[in-house]
């Protein structure tokens, strides 16, 4: 996931949270919150996988 996609998804989730606060729907606010946490979690997992892949490739070359 590139940084533009990451920040666009985070901005969308924050927008959903804010909209939920404005119209007073708690479920929408929580949905935006959990979606944002999911985006962060997937981004961190993908970064860790990329780093692990680079680490294993470096180990094979040595």
PDB file of N, CA and C in Angstrom:
ATOM      1  N   UNK A   1       0.861  -1.169   0.000  1.00  0.00           N
ATOM      2  CA  UNK A   1       0.000   0.000   0.000  1.00  0.00           C
ATOM      3  C   UNK A   1       0.903   1.226   0.000  1.00  0.00           C
ATOM      4  N   UNK A   2       0.729   2.089  -0.987  1.00  0.00           N
ATOM      5  CA  UNK A   2       1.554   3.290  -1.019  1.00  0.00           C
ATOM      6  C   UNK A   2       0.981   4.351  -0.077  1.00  0.00           C
ATOM      7  N   UNK A   3       1.756   5.384   0.159  1.00  0.00           N
ATOM      8  CA  UNK A   3       1.363   6.385   1.153  1.00  0.00           C
ATOM      9  C   UNK A   3       0.137   7.191   0.732  1.00  0.00           C
ATOM     10  N   UNK A   4      -0.031   7.426  -0.560  1.00  0.00           N
ATOM     11  CA  UNK A   4      -1.210   8.170  -1.014  1.00  0.00           C
ATOM     12  C   UNK A   4      -2.477   7.382  -0.705  1.00  0.00           C
ATOM     13  N   UNK A   5      -2.458   6.088  -0.970  1.00  0.00           N
ATOM     14  CA  UNK A   5      -3.615   5.245  -0.676  1.00  0.00           C
ATOM     15  C   UNK A   5      -3.868   5.186   0.823  1.00  0.00           C
ATOM     16  N   UNK A   6      -2.804   5.042   1.584  1.00  0.00           N
ATOM     17  CA  UNK A   6      -2.928   4.981   3.039  1.00  0.00           C
ATOM     18  C   UNK A   6      -3.595   6.233   3.588  1.00  0.00           C
ATOM     19  N   UNK A   7      -3.062   7.399   3.226  1.00  0.00           N
ATOM     20  CA  UNK A   7      -3.613   8.649   3.757  1.00  0.00           C
ATOM     21  C   UNK A   7      -5.008   8.928   3.223  1.00  0.00           C
ATOM     22  N   UNK A   8      -5.299   8.511   1.992  1.00  0.00           N
ATOM     23  CA  UNK A   8      -6.654   8.692   1.457  1.00  0.00           C
ATOM     24  C   UNK A   8      -7.655   7.853   2.243  1.00  0.00           C
ATOM     25  N   UNK A   9      -7.299   6.616   2.560  1.00  0.00           N
ATOM     26  CA  UNK A   9      -8.191   5.761   3.344  1.00  0.00           C
ATOM     27  C   UNK A   9      -8.363   6.277   4.770  1.00  0.00           C
ATOM     28  N   UNK A  10      -7.276   6.765   5.366  1.00  0.00           N
ATOM     29  CA  UNK A  10      -7.371   7.346   6.709  1.00  0.00           C
ATOM     30  C   UNK A  10      -8.269   8.580   6.688  1.00  0.00           C
ATOM     31  N   UNK A  11      -8.107   9.433   5.674  1.00  0.00           N
ATOM     32  CA  UNK A  11      -8.946  10.629   5.569  1.00  0.00           C
ATOM     33  C   UNK A  11     -10.418  10.252   5.395  1.00  0.00           C
ATOM     34  N   UNK A  12     -10.685   9.220   4.620  1.00  0.00           N
ATOM     35  CA  UNK A  12     -12.060   8.749   4.447  1.00  0.00           C
ATOM     36  C   UNK A  12     -12.643   8.267   5.769  1.00  0.00           C
ATOM     37  N   UNK A  13     -11.864   7.520   6.525  1.00  0.00           N
ATOM     38  CA  UNK A  13     -12.337   7.014   7.820  1.00  0.00           C
ATOM     39  C   UNK A  13     -12.581   8.159   8.805  1.00  0.00           C
ATOM     40  N   UNK A  14     -11.697   9.128   8.815  1.00  0.00           N
ATOM     41  CA  UNK A  14     -11.890  10.290   9.693  1.00  0.00           C
ATOM     42  C   UNK A  14     -13.135  11.059   9.272  1.00  0.00           C
ATOM     43  N   UNK A  15     -13.341  11.186   7.970  1.00  0.00           N
ATOM     44  CA  UNK A  15     -14.540  11.852   7.472  1.00  0.00           C
ATOM     45  C   UNK A  15     -15.812  11.142   7.904  1.00  0.00           C
ATOM     46  N   UNK A  16     -15.790   9.821   7.878  1.00  0.00           N
ATOM     47  CA  UNK A  16     -16.947   9.042   8.327  1.00  0.00           C
ATOM     48  C   UNK A  16     -17.178   9.260   9.821  1.00  0.00           C
ATOM     49  N   UNK A  17     -16.108   9.272  10.586  1.00  0.00           N
ATOM     50  CA  UNK A  17     -16.242   9.514  12.028  1.00  0.00           C
ATOM     51  C   UNK A  17     -16.840  10.894  12.298  1.00  0.00           C
ATOM     52  N   UNK A  18     -16.336  11.895  11.614  1.00  0.00           N
ATOM     53  CA  UNK A  18     -16.832  13.253  11.813  1.00  0.00           C
ATOM     54  C   UNK A  18     -18.294  13.356  11.382  1.00  0.00           C
ATOM     55  N   UNK A  19     -18.623  12.759  10.252  1.00  0.00           N
ATOM     56  CA  UNK A  19     -20.017  12.792   9.791  1.00  0.00           C
ATOM     57  C   UNK A  19     -20.933  12.111  10.811  1.00  0.00           C
ATOM     58  N   UNK A  20     -20.478  11.003  11.376  1.00  0.00           N
ATOM     59  CA  UNK A  20     -21.262  10.332  12.411  1.00  0.00           C
ATOM     60  C   UNK A  20     -21.479  11.216  13.629  1.00  0.00           C
ATOM     61  N   UNK A  21     -20.470  12.002  13.989  1.00  0.00           N
ATOM     62  CA  UNK A  21     -20.612  12.933  15.111  1.00  0.00           C
ATOM     63  C   UNK A  21     -21.580  14.061  14.773  1.00  0.00           C
ATOM     64  N   UNK A  22     -21.501  14.566  13.543  1.00  0.00           N
ATOM     65  CA  UNK A  22     -22.357  15.678  13.135  1.00  0.00           C
ATOM     66  C   UNK A  22     -23.824  15.274  13.132  1.00  0.00           C
ATOM     67  N   UNK A  23     -24.123  14.107  12.556  1.00  0.00           N
ATOM     68  CA  UNK A  23     -25.531  13.708  12.478  1.00  0.00           C
ATOM     69  C   UNK A  23     -25.982  12.941  13.715  1.00  0.00           C
ATOM     70  N   UNK A  24     -25.059  12.674  14.620  1.00  0.00           N
ATOM     71  CA  UNK A  24     -25.413  12.069  15.896  1.00  0.00           C
ATOM     72  C   UNK A  24     -25.674  10.580  15.851  1.00  0.00           C
ATOM     73  N   UNK A  25     -25.006   9.880  14.949  1.00  0.00           N
ATOM     74  CA  UNK A  25     -25.169   8.428  14.847  1.00  0.00           C
ATOM     75  C   UNK A  25     -23.906   7.765  15.389  1.00  0.00           C
ATOM     76  N   UNK A  26     -24.010   7.205  16.576  1.00  0.00           N
ATOM     77  CA  UNK A  26     -22.857   6.604  17.245  1.00  0.00           C
ATOM     78  C   UNK A  26     -22.311   5.408  16.464  1.00  0.00           C
ATOM     79  N   UNK A  27     -23.200   4.623  15.847  1.00  0.00           N
ATOM     80  CA  UNK A  27     -22.742   3.454  15.094  1.00  0.00           C
ATOM     81  C   UNK A  27     -21.858   3.852  13.911  1.00  0.00           C
ATOM     82  N   UNK A  28     -22.186   4.941  13.266  1.00  0.00           N
ATOM     83  CA  UNK A  28     -21.383   5.405  12.139  1.00  0.00           C
ATOM     84  C   UNK A  28     -20.014   5.872  12.620  1.00  0.00           C
ATOM     85  N   UNK A  29     -19.983   6.536  13.751  1.00  0.00           N
ATOM     86  CA  UNK A  29     -18.714   6.982  14.327  1.00  0.00           C
ATOM     87  C   UNK A  29     -17.833   5.783  14.670  1.00  0.00           C
ATOM     88  N   UNK A  30     -18.418   4.781  15.275  1.00  0.00           N
ATOM     89  CA  UNK A  30     -17.645   3.586  15.627  1.00  0.00           C
ATOM     90  C   UNK A  30     -17.195   2.819  14.382  1.00  0.00           C
ATOM     91  N   UNK A  31     -18.030   2.787  13.357  1.00  0.00           N
ATOM     92  CA  UNK A  31     -17.642   2.117  12.114  1.00  0.00           C
ATOM     93  C   UNK A  31     -16.432   2.811  11.491  1.00  0.00           C
ATOM     94  N   UNK A  32     -16.430   4.140  11.495  1.00  0.00           N
ATOM     95  CA  UNK A  32     -15.279   4.878  10.973  1.00  0.00           C
ATOM     96  C   UNK A  32     -14.030   4.638  11.791  1.00  0.00           C
ATOM     97  N   UNK A  33     -14.195   4.582  13.105  1.00  0.00           N
ATOM     98  CA  UNK A  33     -13.059   4.324  13.987  1.00  0.00           C
ATOM     99  C   UNK A  33     -12.449   2.952  13.726  1.00  0.00           C
ATOM    100  N   UNK A  34     -13.290   1.932  13.679  1.00  0.00           N
ATOM    101  CA  UNK A  34     -12.769   0.578  13.473  1.00  0.00           C
ATOM    102  C   UNK A  34     -12.218   0.391  12.062  1.00  0.00           C
ATOM    103  N   UNK A  35     -12.800   1.061  11.085  1.00  0.00           N
ATOM    104  CA  UNK A  35     -12.254   0.997   9.724  1.00  0.00           C
ATOM    105  C   UNK A  35     -10.870   1.640   9.691  1.00  0.00           C
ATOM    106  N   UNK A  36     -10.720   2.765  10.376  1.00  0.00           N
ATOM    107  CA  UNK A  36      -9.405   3.415  10.448  1.00  0.00           C
ATOM    108  C   UNK A  36      -8.370   2.552  11.120  1.00  0.00           C
ATOM    109  N   UNK A  37      -8.763   1.903  12.206  1.00  0.00           N
ATOM    110  CA  UNK A  37      -7.835   0.988  12.884  1.00  0.00           C
ATOM    111  C   UNK A  37      -7.471  -0.184  11.979  1.00  0.00           C
ATOM    112  N   UNK A  38      -8.411  -0.645  11.186  1.00  0.00           N
ATOM    113  CA  UNK A  38      -8.139  -1.727  10.232  1.00  0.00           C
ATOM    114  C   UNK A  38      -7.150  -1.295   9.164  1.00  0.00           C
ATOM    115  N   UNK A  39      -7.304  -0.074   8.674  1.00  0.00           N
ATOM    116  CA  UNK A  39      -6.365   0.453   7.671  1.00  0.00           C
ATOM    117  C   UNK A  39      -4.959   0.530   8.253  1.00  0.00           C
ATOM    118  N   UNK A  40      -4.852   1.015   9.471  1.00  0.00           N
ATOM    119  CA  UNK A  40      -3.541   1.103  10.126  1.00  0.00           C
ATOM    120  C   UNK A  40      -2.934  -0.283  10.318  1.00  0.00           C
ATOM    121  N   UNK A  41      -3.748  -1.233  10.756  1.00  0.00           N
ATOM    122  CA  UNK A  41      -3.247  -2.592  10.986  1.00  0.00           C
ATOM    123  C   UNK A  41      -2.768  -3.238   9.691  1.00  0.00           C
ATOM    124  N   UNK A  42      -3.532  -3.114   8.620  1.00  0.00           N
ATOM    125  CA  UNK A  42      -3.133  -3.714   7.343  1.00  0.00           C
ATOM    126  C   UNK A  42      -1.867  -3.047   6.818  1.00  0.00           C
ATOM    127  N   UNK A  43      -1.775  -1.745   6.953  1.00  0.00           N
ATOM    128  CA  UNK A  43      -0.577  -1.032   6.501  1.00  0.00           C
ATOM    129  C   UNK A  43       0.659  -1.512   7.261  1.00  0.00           C
ATOM    130  N   UNK A  44       0.533  -1.666   8.574  1.00  0.00           N
ATOM    131  CA  UNK A  44       1.669  -2.139   9.374  1.00  0.00           C
ATOM    132  C   UNK A  44       2.047  -3.571   9.013  1.00  0.00           C
ATOM    133  N   UNK A  45       1.060  -4.416   8.757  1.00  0.00           N
ATOM    134  CA  UNK A  45       1.356  -5.792   8.358  1.00  0.00           C
ATOM    135  C   UNK A  45       2.068  -5.842   7.016  1.00  0.00           C
ATOM    136  N   UNK A  46       1.628  -5.021   6.071  1.00  0.00           N
ATOM    137  CA  UNK A  46       2.284  -5.000   4.768  1.00  0.00           C
ATOM    138  C   UNK A  46       3.707  -4.475   4.873  1.00  0.00           C
ATOM    139  N   UNK A  47       3.932  -3.467   5.699  1.00  0.00           N
ATOM    140  CA  UNK A  47       5.295  -2.974   5.895  1.00  0.00           C
ATOM    141  C   UNK A  47       6.190  -4.041   6.518  1.00  0.00           C
ATOM    142  N   UNK A  48       5.656  -4.749   7.502  1.00  0.00           N
ATOM    143  CA  UNK A  48       6.436  -5.804   8.150  1.00  0.00           C
ATOM    144  C   UNK A  48       6.758  -6.927   7.161  1.00  0.00           C
ATOM    145  N   UNK A  49       5.803  -7.274   6.311  1.00  0.00           N
ATOM    146  CA  UNK A  49       6.041  -8.321   5.315  1.00  0.00           C
ATOM    147  C   UNK A  49       7.118  -7.891   4.326  1.00  0.00           C
ATOM    148  N   UNK A  50       7.096  -6.629   3.908  1.00  0.00           N
ATOM    149  CA  UNK A  50       8.133  -6.137   2.991  1.00  0.00           C
ATOM    150  C   UNK A  50       9.510  -6.178   3.639  1.00  0.00           C
ATOM    151  N   UNK A  51       9.583  -5.766   4.895  1.00  0.00           N
ATOM    152  CA  UNK A  51      10.866  -5.791   5.596  1.00  0.00           C
ATOM    153  C   UNK A  51      11.368  -7.225   5.789  1.00  0.00           C
ATOM    154  N   UNK A  52      10.467  -8.153   6.100  1.00  0.00           N
ATOM    155  CA  UNK A  52      10.856  -9.545   6.281  1.00  0.00           C
ATOM    156  C   UNK A  52      11.353 -10.126   4.964  1.00  0.00           C
ATOM    157  N   UNK A  53      10.674  -9.773   3.862  1.00  0.00           N
ATOM    158  CA  UNK A  53      11.090 -10.262   2.554  1.00  0.00           C
ATOM    159  C   UNK A  53      12.484  -9.748   2.210  1.00  0.00           C
ATOM    160  N   UNK A  54      12.754  -8.468   2.480  1.00  0.00           N
ATOM    161  CA  UNK A  54      14.082  -7.916   2.236  1.00  0.00           C
ATOM    162  C   UNK A  54      15.123  -8.584   3.125  1.00  0.00           C
ATOM    163  N   UNK A  55      14.745  -8.872   4.371  1.00  0.00           N
ATOM    164  CA  UNK A  55      15.675  -9.517   5.302  1.00  0.00           C
ATOM    165  C   UNK A  55      16.024 -10.919   4.826  1.00  0.00           C
ATOM    166  N   UNK A  56      15.050 -11.685   4.382  1.00  0.00           N
ATOM    167  CA  UNK A  56      15.325 -13.058   3.952  1.00  0.00           C
ATOM    168  C   UNK A  56      16.120 -13.070   2.656  1.00  0.00           C
ATOM    169  N   UNK A  57      15.859 -12.122   1.755  1.00  0.00           N
ATOM    170  CA  UNK A  57      16.638 -12.061   0.516  1.00  0.00           C
ATOM    171  C   UNK A  57      18.093 -11.714   0.813  1.00  0.00           C
ATOM    172  N   UNK A  58      18.319 -10.826   1.761  1.00  0.00           N
ATOM    173  CA  UNK A  58      19.688 -10.457   2.124  1.00  0.00           C
ATOM    174  C   UNK A  58      20.406 -11.638   2.765  1.00  0.00           C
ATOM    175  N   UNK A  59      19.688 -12.430   3.538  1.00  0.00           N
ATOM    176  CA  UNK A  59      20.285 -13.597   4.170  1.00  0.00           C
ATOM    177  C   UNK A  59      20.659 -14.673   3.170  1.00  0.00           C
ATOM    178  N   UNK A  60      19.866 -14.802   2.115  1.00  0.00           N
ATOM    179  CA  UNK A  60      20.176 -15.813   1.104  1.00  0.00           C
ATOM    180  C   UNK A  60      21.380 -15.442   0.264  1.00  0.00           C
ATOM    181  N   UNK A  61      21.595 -14.135   0.087  1.00  0.00           N
ATOM    182  CA  UNK A  61      22.717 -13.702  -0.735  1.00  0.00           C
ATOM    183  C   UNK A  61      24.049 -13.867  -0.020  1.00  0.00           C
ATOM    184  N   UNK A  62      24.043 -13.819   1.298  1.00  0.00           N
ATOM    185  CA  UNK A  62      25.300 -13.875   2.061  1.00  0.00           C
ATOM    186  C   UNK A  62      25.885 -15.253   2.119  1.00  0.00           C
TER     187      UNK A  62
END
